[in-house]
Amino acid sequence: MKYICDICGWEYDEEKGYPEGGIAPGTKWEDLPEDFTCPLCSVGKDQFSEA
């Protein structure tokens, strides 16, 4: 599953994770920390939509 930031368009792909931010490939969206923020524009998880 992929999730897109509604503000800037950054994409989180569960298969790829976000290694630069310490999130391993295969990490599910619901397993991300509640305080996860978009690496580009810093909005919270509530500002993302399923792709």
C-alpha atoms as a PDB file:
ATOM      1  CA  MET A   1       0.000   0.000   0.000  1.00  0.00           C
ATOM      2  CA  LYS A   2       1.124   3.560  -0.689  1.00  0.00           C
ATOM      3  CA  TYR A   3       0.177   6.773   1.071  1.00  0.00           C
ATOM      4  CA  ILE A   4       0.464  10.264  -0.390  1.00  0.00           C
ATOM      5  CA  CYS A   5       0.917  13.495   1.554  1.00  0.00           C
ATOM      6  CA  ASP A   6      -2.109  15.677   0.789  1.00  0.00           C
ATOM      7  CA  ILE A   7       0.004  18.818   1.174  1.00  0.00           C
ATOM      8  CA  CYS A   8       3.180  18.218  -0.848  1.00  0.00           C
ATOM      9  CA  GLY A   9       2.684  14.884  -2.632  1.00  0.00           C
ATOM     10  CA  TRP A  10       5.480  12.916  -0.912  1.00  0.00           C
ATOM     11  CA  GLU A  11       4.755   9.197  -1.142  1.00  0.00           C
ATOM     12  CA  TYR A  12       5.230   6.558   1.543  1.00  0.00           C
ATOM     13  CA  ASP A  13       5.456   3.069   0.034  1.00  0.00           C
ATOM     14  CA  GLU A  14       5.138   0.277   2.610  1.00  0.00           C
ATOM     15  CA  GLU A  15       7.304  -2.027   0.466  1.00  0.00           C
ATOM     16  CA  LYS A  16      10.184   0.460   0.368  1.00  0.00           C
ATOM     17  CA  GLY A  17       9.783   1.955   3.843  1.00  0.00           C
ATOM     18  CA  TYR A  18      11.779   5.108   4.505  1.00  0.00           C
ATOM     19  CA  PRO A  19      15.333   3.941   5.295  1.00  0.00           C
ATOM     20  CA  GLU A  20      16.630   7.534   5.394  1.00  0.00           C
ATOM     21  CA  GLY A  21      14.275   8.111   8.314  1.00  0.00           C
ATOM     22  CA  GLY A  22      15.004   4.823  10.051  1.00  0.00           C
ATOM     23  CA  ILE A  23      11.863   3.029   8.807  1.00  0.00           C
ATOM     24  CA  ALA A  24      12.602  -0.433   7.444  1.00  0.00           C
ATOM     25  CA  PRO A  25      11.169  -1.722   4.156  1.00  0.00           C
ATOM     26  CA  GLY A  26       7.927  -3.604   4.752  1.00  0.00           C
ATOM     27  CA  THR A  27       6.794  -1.324   7.603  1.00  0.00           C
ATOM     28  CA  LYS A  28       3.017  -0.951   7.477  1.00  0.00           C
ATOM     29  CA  TRP A  29       1.484   2.516   7.673  1.00  0.00           C
ATOM     30  CA  GLU A  30      -0.338   1.653  10.894  1.00  0.00           C
ATOM     31  CA  ASP A  31       3.003   0.580  12.432  1.00  0.00           C
ATOM     32  CA  LEU A  32       4.626   3.962  11.875  1.00  0.00           C
ATOM     33  CA  PRO A  33       4.987   6.015  15.054  1.00  0.00           C
ATOM     34  CA  GLU A  34       1.983   8.230  15.814  1.00  0.00           C
ATOM     35  CA  ASP A  35       4.319  11.245  15.696  1.00  0.00           C
ATOM     36  CA  PHE A  36       5.547  10.385  12.161  1.00  0.00           C
ATOM     37  CA  THR A  37       5.685  13.496   9.979  1.00  0.00           C
ATOM     38  CA  CYS A  38       6.168  14.036   6.271  1.00  0.00           C
ATOM     39  CA  PRO A  39       9.911  14.386   5.569  1.00  0.00           C
ATOM     40  CA  LEU A  40       9.279  17.239   3.132  1.00  0.00           C
ATOM     41  CA  CYS A  41       6.605  19.412   4.730  1.00  0.00           C
ATOM     42  CA  SER A  42       6.353  18.095   8.322  1.00  0.00           C
ATOM     43  CA  VAL A  43       2.591  17.465   8.469  1.00  0.00           C
ATOM     44  CA  GLY A  44       1.303  14.509  10.500  1.00  0.00           C
ATOM     45  CA  LYS A  45      -0.087  11.137   9.445  1.00  0.00           C
ATOM     46  CA  ASP A  46      -3.619  12.574   9.383  1.00  0.00           C
ATOM     47  CA  GLN A  47      -2.653  14.598   6.297  1.00  0.00           C
ATOM     48  CA  PHE A  48      -1.952  11.493   4.163  1.00  0.00           C
ATOM     49  CA  SER A  49      -4.348   9.617   1.885  1.00  0.00           C
ATOM     50  CA  GLU A  50      -4.195   6.086   0.501  1.00  0.00           C
ATOM     51  CA  ALA A  51      -2.844   6.050  -3.040  1.00  0.00           C
END
